[in-house]
Amino acid sequence: MMFDTDKDDDEENCVTIRVQKRNGKKCITIITGIAEDLDLDKILKHLKKTFSCNGSISNDEKFGEVLKLTGDKKENVYKFLISEQIYKKECIIIKGV
């Protein structure tokens, strides 16, 4: 039983990057599961400047604080999280279009 709870904790510590279609060819990149001890404002500011897009932080009942970026930036966010050593490859889940 202890092994099962450890596995659940690992899954909860993972970041999920998903792309959601809007209207036509527009889409939004949604990043959920970021640790609470990280400064989301600084991360968002860096992502917006680096990837030349707009973004926001919103509260979700299920996921907590969520980062939203305009456009399909899933690969860029994935590379950023790994290069800055914020998360390991095993802890990042990519979903979407």
N, C-alpha and C. Protein backbone atom coordinates (compact mmCIF):
# COMPACT_ATOMS: atom_id res chain seq x y z
N MET A 1 0.80 -1.20 0.00
CA MET A 1 0.00 0.00 0.00
C MET A 1 0.84 1.26 0.00
N MET A 2 1.96 1.24 0.68
CA MET A 2 2.81 2.42 0.72
C MET A 2 3.30 2.76 -0.68
N PHE A 3 3.57 1.74 -1.48
CA PHE A 3 4.06 1.98 -2.83
C PHE A 3 3.02 2.73 -3.67
N ASP A 4 1.74 2.38 -3.51
CA ASP A 4 0.69 3.04 -4.28
C ASP A 4 0.59 4.52 -3.94
N THR A 5 0.70 4.88 -2.66
CA THR A 5 0.61 6.29 -2.29
C THR A 5 1.81 7.06 -2.80
N ASP A 6 3.00 6.44 -2.79
CA ASP A 6 4.17 7.11 -3.35
C ASP A 6 3.98 7.39 -4.83
N LYS A 7 3.39 6.44 -5.54
CA LYS A 7 3.15 6.62 -6.96
C LYS A 7 2.18 7.77 -7.21
N ASP A 8 1.13 7.86 -6.38
CA ASP A 8 0.19 8.96 -6.52
C ASP A 8 0.86 10.30 -6.27
N ASP A 9 1.75 10.35 -5.28
CA ASP A 9 2.47 11.59 -5.00
C ASP A 9 3.32 12.01 -6.19
N ASP A 10 3.97 11.04 -6.84
CA ASP A 10 4.77 11.36 -8.01
C ASP A 10 3.91 11.93 -9.13
N GLU A 11 2.74 11.34 -9.33
CA GLU A 11 1.85 11.83 -10.38
C GLU A 11 1.34 13.23 -10.06
N GLU A 12 1.11 13.50 -8.79
CA GLU A 12 0.63 14.83 -8.41
C GLU A 12 1.72 15.88 -8.58
N ASN A 13 2.99 15.49 -8.47
CA ASN A 13 4.09 16.43 -8.59
C ASN A 13 4.44 16.71 -10.05
N CYS A 14 3.77 16.08 -10.98
CA CYS A 14 4.06 16.28 -12.40
C CYS A 14 3.34 17.51 -12.93
N VAL A 15 3.98 18.12 -13.92
CA VAL A 15 3.40 19.27 -14.60
C VAL A 15 2.75 18.77 -15.88
N THR A 16 1.56 19.28 -16.17
CA THR A 16 0.87 18.91 -17.40
C THR A 16 0.81 20.13 -18.31
N ILE A 17 1.26 19.94 -19.55
CA ILE A 17 1.18 20.99 -20.56
C ILE A 17 0.19 20.51 -21.60
N ARG A 18 -0.89 21.27 -21.80
CA ARG A 18 -1.88 20.86 -22.80
C ARG A 18 -2.22 22.04 -23.69
N VAL A 19 -2.65 21.71 -24.89
CA VAL A 19 -3.07 22.71 -25.85
C VAL A 19 -4.56 22.55 -26.07
N GLN A 20 -5.28 23.65 -25.94
CA GLN A 20 -6.74 23.63 -26.11
C GLN A 20 -7.10 24.50 -27.30
N LYS A 21 -7.89 23.95 -28.21
CA LYS A 21 -8.35 24.69 -29.38
C LYS A 21 -9.37 25.74 -28.97
N ARG A 22 -9.26 26.89 -29.58
CA ARG A 22 -10.28 27.92 -29.43
C ARG A 22 -11.09 27.93 -30.72
N ASN A 23 -11.28 29.08 -31.30
CA ASN A 23 -12.04 29.13 -32.55
C ASN A 23 -11.10 29.11 -33.74
N GLY A 24 -11.47 28.36 -34.77
CA GLY A 24 -10.66 28.29 -35.97
C GLY A 24 -9.31 27.65 -35.71
N LYS A 25 -8.24 28.37 -36.06
CA LYS A 25 -6.90 27.82 -35.86
C LYS A 25 -6.20 28.37 -34.62
N LYS A 26 -6.90 29.11 -33.80
CA LYS A 26 -6.33 29.67 -32.57
C LYS A 26 -6.33 28.63 -31.46
N CYS A 27 -5.34 28.71 -30.57
CA CYS A 27 -5.27 27.77 -29.46
C CYS A 27 -4.59 28.43 -28.26
N ILE A 28 -4.73 27.76 -27.11
CA ILE A 28 -4.17 28.23 -25.85
C ILE A 28 -3.34 27.10 -25.25
N THR A 29 -2.16 27.43 -24.72
CA THR A 29 -1.34 26.46 -24.01
C THR A 29 -1.62 26.63 -22.52
N ILE A 30 -2.01 25.54 -21.86
CA ILE A 30 -2.36 25.57 -20.44
C ILE A 30 -1.36 24.72 -19.67
N ILE A 31 -0.76 25.30 -18.62
CA ILE A 31 0.24 24.62 -17.82
C ILE A 31 -0.32 24.46 -16.41
N THR A 32 -0.50 23.21 -15.97
CA THR A 32 -1.06 22.95 -14.65
C THR A 32 -0.09 22.11 -13.83
N GLY A 33 -0.23 22.17 -12.52
CA GLY A 33 0.56 21.33 -11.63
C GLY A 33 1.90 21.90 -11.24
N ILE A 34 2.11 23.19 -11.45
CA ILE A 34 3.38 23.81 -11.06
C ILE A 34 3.41 23.93 -9.55
N ALA A 35 4.57 23.64 -8.96
CA ALA A 35 4.72 23.66 -7.50
C ALA A 35 4.39 25.04 -6.93
N GLU A 36 3.78 25.03 -5.75
CA GLU A 36 3.34 26.28 -5.13
C GLU A 36 4.50 27.15 -4.66
N ASP A 37 5.67 26.56 -4.42
CA ASP A 37 6.79 27.35 -3.92
C ASP A 37 7.52 28.12 -5.03
N LEU A 38 7.16 27.91 -6.28
CA LEU A 38 7.76 28.65 -7.39
C LEU A 38 7.02 29.98 -7.58
N ASP A 39 7.74 30.99 -8.06
CA ASP A 39 7.16 32.31 -8.31
C ASP A 39 6.54 32.32 -9.71
N LEU A 40 5.23 32.13 -9.77
CA LEU A 40 4.54 32.04 -11.07
C LEU A 40 4.61 33.35 -11.84
N ASP A 41 4.62 34.48 -11.14
CA ASP A 41 4.70 35.77 -11.83
C ASP A 41 6.00 35.90 -12.62
N LYS A 42 7.11 35.50 -12.02
CA LYS A 42 8.40 35.58 -12.71
C LYS A 42 8.46 34.60 -13.88
N ILE A 43 7.95 33.39 -13.66
CA ILE A 43 7.95 32.39 -14.74
C ILE A 43 7.11 32.89 -15.91
N LEU A 44 5.91 33.41 -15.61
CA LEU A 44 5.02 33.90 -16.66
C LEU A 44 5.66 35.06 -17.42
N LYS A 45 6.26 35.98 -16.69
CA LYS A 45 6.91 37.13 -17.33
C LYS A 45 8.01 36.67 -18.27
N HIS A 46 8.82 35.71 -17.84
CA HIS A 46 9.89 35.19 -18.68
C HIS A 46 9.35 34.47 -19.92
N LEU A 47 8.31 33.64 -19.73
CA LEU A 47 7.74 32.92 -20.87
C LEU A 47 7.15 33.88 -21.89
N LYS A 48 6.43 34.90 -21.41
CA LYS A 48 5.81 35.86 -22.33
C LYS A 48 6.87 36.62 -23.13
N LYS A 49 7.94 37.01 -22.47
CA LYS A 49 9.00 37.77 -23.15
C LYS A 49 9.78 36.88 -24.11
N THR A 50 10.10 35.68 -23.68
CA THR A 50 10.91 34.77 -24.50
C THR A 50 10.16 34.27 -25.73
N PHE A 51 8.88 33.92 -25.57
CA PHE A 51 8.12 33.32 -26.66
C PHE A 51 7.24 34.31 -27.40
N SER A 52 7.32 35.61 -27.06
CA SER A 52 6.55 36.66 -27.72
C SER A 52 5.06 36.32 -27.79
N CYS A 53 4.48 36.09 -26.62
CA CYS A 53 3.06 35.77 -26.56
C CYS A 53 2.45 36.45 -25.35
N ASN A 54 1.15 36.38 -25.24
CA ASN A 54 0.45 36.91 -24.09
C ASN A 54 0.13 35.75 -23.15
N GLY A 55 -0.14 36.06 -21.88
CA GLY A 55 -0.44 34.99 -20.94
C GLY A 55 -1.05 35.54 -19.67
N SER A 56 -1.54 34.61 -18.85
CA SER A 56 -2.16 35.01 -17.59
C SER A 56 -2.08 33.86 -16.60
N ILE A 57 -2.32 34.21 -15.32
CA ILE A 57 -2.42 33.23 -14.26
C ILE A 57 -3.87 33.23 -13.80
N SER A 58 -4.47 32.04 -13.74
CA SER A 58 -5.85 31.96 -13.28
C SER A 58 -5.98 30.85 -12.25
N ASN A 59 -6.97 30.99 -11.39
CA ASN A 59 -7.24 29.97 -10.37
C ASN A 59 -8.30 29.01 -10.88
N ASP A 60 -8.03 27.73 -10.72
CA ASP A 60 -8.97 26.69 -11.11
C ASP A 60 -9.27 25.86 -9.88
N GLU A 61 -10.52 25.47 -9.70
CA GLU A 61 -10.91 24.69 -8.52
C GLU A 61 -10.20 23.34 -8.47
N LYS A 62 -10.03 22.72 -9.62
CA LYS A 62 -9.44 21.38 -9.67
C LYS A 62 -7.91 21.41 -9.66
N PHE A 63 -7.30 22.33 -10.43
CA PHE A 63 -5.85 22.33 -10.63
C PHE A 63 -5.11 23.38 -9.82
N GLY A 64 -5.79 24.28 -9.16
CA GLY A 64 -5.12 25.36 -8.44
C GLY A 64 -4.74 26.48 -9.39
N GLU A 65 -3.54 27.05 -9.23
CA GLU A 65 -3.11 28.13 -10.11
C GLU A 65 -2.62 27.54 -11.43
N VAL A 66 -3.08 28.15 -12.52
CA VAL A 66 -2.82 27.65 -13.86
C VAL A 66 -2.23 28.77 -14.70
N LEU A 67 -1.18 28.46 -15.48
CA LEU A 67 -0.62 29.42 -16.43
C LEU A 67 -1.27 29.19 -17.79
N LYS A 68 -1.67 30.27 -18.44
CA LYS A 68 -2.24 30.18 -19.79
C LYS A 68 -1.45 31.08 -20.72
N LEU A 69 -1.03 30.52 -21.85
CA LEU A 69 -0.29 31.26 -22.87
C LEU A 69 -1.05 31.18 -24.19
N THR A 70 -1.04 32.27 -24.95
CA THR A 70 -1.70 32.23 -26.25
C THR A 70 -0.79 31.52 -27.25
N GLY A 71 -1.40 30.71 -28.08
CA GLY A 71 -0.65 29.99 -29.11
C GLY A 71 -0.23 28.61 -28.64
N ASP A 72 0.32 27.83 -29.58
CA ASP A 72 0.79 26.47 -29.29
C ASP A 72 2.26 26.55 -28.88
N LYS A 73 2.50 26.64 -27.59
CA LYS A 73 3.86 26.80 -27.06
C LYS A 73 4.29 25.59 -26.24
N LYS A 74 3.67 24.43 -26.46
CA LYS A 74 3.94 23.27 -25.61
C LYS A 74 5.40 22.81 -25.70
N GLU A 75 5.97 22.78 -26.89
CA GLU A 75 7.37 22.35 -27.03
C GLU A 75 8.31 23.36 -26.39
N ASN A 76 8.03 24.65 -26.56
CA ASN A 76 8.87 25.69 -25.97
C ASN A 76 8.84 25.63 -24.45
N VAL A 77 7.66 25.46 -23.88
CA VAL A 77 7.52 25.39 -22.42
C VAL A 77 8.23 24.14 -21.90
N TYR A 78 8.08 23.02 -22.60
CA TYR A 78 8.74 21.78 -22.23
C TYR A 78 10.26 21.97 -22.17
N LYS A 79 10.83 22.55 -23.22
CA LYS A 79 12.28 22.78 -23.26
C LYS A 79 12.72 23.76 -22.17
N PHE A 80 11.90 24.78 -21.90
CA PHE A 80 12.22 25.76 -20.86
C PHE A 80 12.27 25.10 -19.48
N LEU A 81 11.28 24.28 -19.15
CA LEU A 81 11.23 23.65 -17.84
C LEU A 81 12.41 22.69 -17.62
N ILE A 82 12.87 22.05 -18.69
CA ILE A 82 14.00 21.14 -18.58
C ILE A 82 15.32 21.91 -18.53
N SER A 83 15.48 22.91 -19.39
CA SER A 83 16.74 23.65 -19.46
C SER A 83 17.02 24.44 -18.19
N GLU A 84 15.98 24.96 -17.55
CA GLU A 84 16.14 25.71 -16.30
C GLU A 84 16.15 24.79 -15.08
N GLN A 85 16.08 23.48 -15.32
CA GLN A 85 16.10 22.45 -14.28
C GLN A 85 15.01 22.65 -13.24
N ILE A 86 13.84 23.12 -13.69
CA ILE A 86 12.69 23.26 -12.81
C ILE A 86 12.04 21.90 -12.60
N TYR A 87 11.92 21.12 -13.69
CA TYR A 87 11.37 19.77 -13.64
C TYR A 87 12.20 18.85 -14.50
N LYS A 88 12.16 17.55 -14.19
CA LYS A 88 12.83 16.54 -15.00
C LYS A 88 11.89 16.09 -16.11
N LYS A 89 12.45 15.44 -17.12
CA LYS A 89 11.65 14.95 -18.25
C LYS A 89 10.53 14.02 -17.82
N GLU A 90 10.80 13.21 -16.80
CA GLU A 90 9.82 12.22 -16.35
C GLU A 90 8.61 12.88 -15.69
N CYS A 91 8.76 14.11 -15.22
CA CYS A 91 7.69 14.79 -14.48
C CYS A 91 6.90 15.76 -15.34
N ILE A 92 7.08 15.71 -16.65
CA ILE A 92 6.35 16.62 -17.53
C ILE A 92 5.49 15.78 -18.48
N ILE A 93 4.19 16.06 -18.49
CA ILE A 93 3.25 15.35 -19.34
C ILE A 93 2.73 16.34 -20.38
N ILE A 94 2.82 15.97 -21.66
CA ILE A 94 2.33 16.83 -22.74
C ILE A 94 1.07 16.20 -23.32
N LYS A 95 0.01 16.98 -23.35
CA LYS A 95 -1.26 16.54 -23.94
C LYS A 95 -1.71 17.59 -24.93
N GLY A 96 -2.56 17.21 -25.87
CA GLY A 96 -3.15 18.21 -26.73
C GLY A 96 -3.07 17.88 -28.20
N VAL A 97 -3.31 18.90 -28.96
CA VAL A 97 -3.47 18.82 -30.41
C VAL A 97 -2.26 18.23 -31.08
